[in-house]
Amino acid sequence: MLPELGFFLLLLATASAFFLALVPQFGLFKKIRL
């Protein structure tokens, strides 16, 4: 596998994990604001 492809997959996995970790916090924040 190409190193660039591996790096891209690693970056994508990290970004998706970070996004999934932030989404519940944003939902809770929105509930508190409302």
C-alpha atoms as a PDB file:
ATOM      1  CA  MET A   1       0.000   0.000   0.000  1.00  0.00           C
ATOM      2  CA  LEU A   2       1.204   3.507  -0.759  1.00  0.00           C
ATOM      3  CA  PRO A   3       2.503   5.488   2.235  1.00  0.00           C
ATOM      4  CA  GLU A   4       0.360   8.459   1.205  1.00  0.00           C
ATOM      5  CA  LEU A   5      -2.751   6.278   1.163  1.00  0.00           C
ATOM      6  CA  GLY A   6      -1.920   4.870   4.596  1.00  0.00           C
ATOM      7  CA  PHE A   7      -1.354   8.363   5.961  1.00  0.00           C
ATOM      8  CA  PHE A   8      -4.649   9.535   4.457  1.00  0.00           C
ATOM      9  CA  LEU A   9      -6.529   6.597   5.990  1.00  0.00           C
ATOM     10  CA  LEU A  10      -4.921   7.275   9.367  1.00  0.00           C
ATOM     11  CA  LEU A  11      -5.850  10.955   9.144  1.00  0.00           C
ATOM     12  CA  LEU A  12      -9.405  10.079   8.105  1.00  0.00           C
ATOM     13  CA  ALA A  13      -9.793   7.621  10.995  1.00  0.00           C
ATOM     14  CA  THR A  14      -8.451  10.189  13.464  1.00  0.00           C
ATOM     15  CA  ALA A  15     -10.746  12.909  12.122  1.00  0.00           C
ATOM     16  CA  SER A  16     -13.810  10.647  12.233  1.00  0.00           C
ATOM     17  CA  ALA A  17     -13.012   9.525  15.786  1.00  0.00           C
ATOM     18  CA  PHE A  18     -12.508  13.153  16.841  1.00  0.00           C
ATOM     19  CA  PHE A  19     -15.808  14.118  15.176  1.00  0.00           C
ATOM     20  CA  LEU A  20     -17.688  11.264  16.861  1.00  0.00           C
ATOM     21  CA  ALA A  21     -16.207  12.317  20.198  1.00  0.00           C
ATOM     22  CA  LEU A  22     -17.282  15.947  19.722  1.00  0.00           C
ATOM     23  CA  VAL A  23     -20.818  15.379  18.419  1.00  0.00           C
ATOM     24  CA  PRO A  24     -22.385  14.314  21.777  1.00  0.00           C
ATOM     25  CA  GLN A  25     -20.765  17.308  23.490  1.00  0.00           C
ATOM     26  CA  PHE A  26     -22.259  19.667  20.900  1.00  0.00           C
ATOM     27  CA  GLY A  27     -25.670  18.041  21.346  1.00  0.00           C
ATOM     28  CA  LEU A  28     -25.443  18.438  25.122  1.00  0.00           C
ATOM     29  CA  PHE A  29     -24.268  22.041  24.706  1.00  0.00           C
ATOM     30  CA  LYS A  30     -27.194  22.768  22.398  1.00  0.00           C
ATOM     31  CA  LYS A  31     -29.622  21.251  24.914  1.00  0.00           C
ATOM     32  CA  ILE A  32     -28.217  23.428  27.679  1.00  0.00           C
ATOM     33  CA  ARG A  33     -28.401  26.547  25.488  1.00  0.00           C
ATOM     34  CA  LEU A  34     -32.032  25.855  24.590  1.00  0.00           C
END
